[in-house]
Amino acid sequence: MRVELIRCSSFGRREKIVVKRLPVMIGGNPGTGIQLNDRRASRIHCLLAEHENQLLVRDLNSKYGTFVNGVRVKEMPLMPGDRLSVGKSTFIVVTDEDDVECDSSGERTLSVISDRC
């Protein structure tokens, strides 16, 4: 399963994070697969994993919680275009199920990203 997270900043900047393998942990600890420099992110905050060909997020007893589309979750399947919030960071979920278009430079773009960031 191809998974990318698009981090949306408050300045409108977007950063693409390619998830090379699952499962992957997200948190403030340098040993996590996706390290966040964020005081509201627990050291080991949440886990992204694949289960029955579906992407899941699981909160790992974080202090401030893991949110999907604004709702605090313990474990939840993620769909393309969902907003995953960890600490102060918000990501748009992109999977191989998304309809991907290319712009004039050949860079992959998604209309869902511009609508959601």
Protein backbone atom coordinates (compact mmCIF):
# COMPACT_ATOMS: atom_id res chain seq x y z
CA MET A 1 0.00 0.00 0.00
CA ARG A 2 1.37 3.41 -0.98
CA VAL A 3 0.84 6.01 1.75
CA GLU A 4 1.78 9.67 1.80
CA LEU A 5 1.00 12.28 4.42
CA ILE A 6 0.76 15.91 3.34
CA ARG A 7 1.60 18.16 6.28
CA CYS A 8 -0.32 21.43 6.15
CA SER A 9 1.28 24.42 7.85
CA SER A 10 -0.53 27.47 9.14
CA PHE A 11 1.31 29.45 6.44
CA GLY A 12 -0.26 27.41 3.63
CA ARG A 13 2.97 25.50 2.96
CA ARG A 14 2.69 21.78 2.26
CA GLU A 15 5.26 19.09 2.97
CA LYS A 16 4.93 15.61 1.48
CA ILE A 17 6.00 12.71 3.69
CA VAL A 18 6.28 9.38 1.90
CA VAL A 19 5.66 6.45 4.25
CA LYS A 20 8.16 3.86 3.05
CA ARG A 21 6.79 0.98 5.11
CA LEU A 22 4.05 0.15 7.54
CA PRO A 23 3.66 0.00 10.46
CA VAL A 24 5.20 3.38 11.31
CA MET A 25 5.12 5.32 14.57
CA ILE A 26 4.57 9.07 14.77
CA GLY A 27 5.83 11.11 17.71
CA GLY A 28 8.47 13.35 19.21
CA ASN A 29 11.00 10.58 19.89
CA PRO A 30 13.94 10.46 17.45
CA GLY A 31 13.33 6.71 17.09
CA THR A 32 9.88 7.14 15.54
CA GLY A 33 9.47 6.72 11.81
CA ILE A 34 7.89 10.16 11.53
CA GLN A 35 9.43 12.50 14.11
CA LEU A 36 7.56 15.67 15.05
CA ASN A 37 9.20 18.64 16.71
CA ASP A 38 6.03 19.48 18.61
CA ARG A 39 5.50 19.83 22.36
CA ARG A 40 1.93 18.55 22.03
CA ALA A 41 3.07 15.32 20.37
CA SER A 42 3.86 12.53 22.80
CA ARG A 43 7.22 10.81 22.41
CA ILE A 44 5.44 7.81 20.87
CA HIS A 45 2.09 9.29 19.90
CA CYS A 46 0.35 7.02 17.39
CA LEU A 47 0.86 4.19 14.94
CA LEU A 48 -0.09 3.88 11.28
CA ALA A 49 -0.59 0.30 10.17
CA GLU A 50 -2.20 -1.72 7.41
CA HIS A 51 -4.91 -4.20 8.35
CA GLU A 52 -6.87 -6.17 5.75
CA ASN A 53 -5.72 -3.80 2.99
CA GLN A 54 -6.91 -0.77 4.96
CA LEU A 55 -4.85 1.98 6.57
CA LEU A 56 -5.44 2.37 10.33
CA VAL A 57 -4.32 4.88 12.91
CA ARG A 58 -4.00 3.79 16.54
CA ASP A 59 -3.42 6.24 19.39
CA LEU A 60 -0.72 4.94 21.74
CA ASN A 61 -2.09 6.50 24.95
CA SER A 62 -0.89 9.97 23.97
CA LYS A 63 -1.48 12.83 26.39
CA TYR A 64 -3.25 15.17 23.97
CA GLY A 65 -4.91 12.60 21.70
CA THR A 66 -5.00 11.68 18.04
CA PHE A 67 -7.72 13.22 15.88
CA VAL A 68 -9.24 12.23 12.55
CA ASN A 69 -11.33 14.93 10.89
CA GLY A 70 -11.55 16.74 14.23
CA VAL A 71 -12.75 13.73 16.26
CA ARG A 72 -10.54 12.18 18.96
CA VAL A 73 -9.94 8.49 18.21
CA LYS A 74 -8.27 5.49 19.81
CA GLU A 75 -8.22 3.45 16.58
CA MET A 76 -9.81 4.22 13.24
CA PRO A 77 -9.49 3.35 9.56
CA LEU A 78 -8.12 6.22 7.48
CA MET A 79 -9.59 7.11 4.11
CA PRO A 80 -7.98 9.18 1.35
CA GLY A 81 -8.44 12.87 2.13
CA ASP A 82 -8.89 12.37 5.89
CA ARG A 83 -7.25 14.96 8.16
CA LEU A 84 -4.99 13.31 10.75
CA SER A 85 -4.01 15.62 13.62
CA VAL A 86 -1.14 14.79 15.98
CA GLY A 87 -0.22 17.55 18.39
CA LYS A 88 -0.20 20.79 16.40
CA SER A 89 0.52 18.95 13.13
CA THR A 90 -2.21 18.21 10.62
CA PHE A 91 -1.76 15.80 7.74
CA ILE A 92 -3.93 14.94 4.74
CA VAL A 93 -3.90 11.18 4.10
CA VAL A 94 -3.05 10.08 0.55
CA THR A 95 -3.13 6.40 -0.43
CA ASP A 96 -2.86 4.45 -3.66
CA GLU A 97 -6.67 4.61 -3.85
CA ASP A 98 -6.55 8.35 -4.62
CA ASP A 99 -7.06 9.68 -8.11
CA VAL A 100 -3.73 11.29 -8.86
CA GLU A 101 -3.20 13.91 -11.54
CA CYS A 102 0.08 15.38 -12.78
CA ASP A 103 0.75 19.08 -13.23
CA SER A 104 2.85 20.53 -16.08
CA SER A 105 6.11 19.68 -14.27
CA GLY A 106 5.07 16.04 -13.87
CA GLU A 107 4.59 16.50 -10.10
CA ARG A 108 1.69 14.50 -8.72
CA THR A 109 -1.15 16.63 -7.46
CA LEU A 110 -4.44 15.94 -5.75
CA SER A 111 -7.44 18.24 -5.84
CA VAL A 112 -8.43 16.93 -2.42
CA ILE A 113 -5.26 18.39 -0.90
CA SER A 114 -5.84 21.93 -2.08
CA ASP A 115 -9.42 21.69 -0.85
CA ARG A 116 -8.47 20.40 2.61
CA CYS A 117 -5.27 22.27 3.62
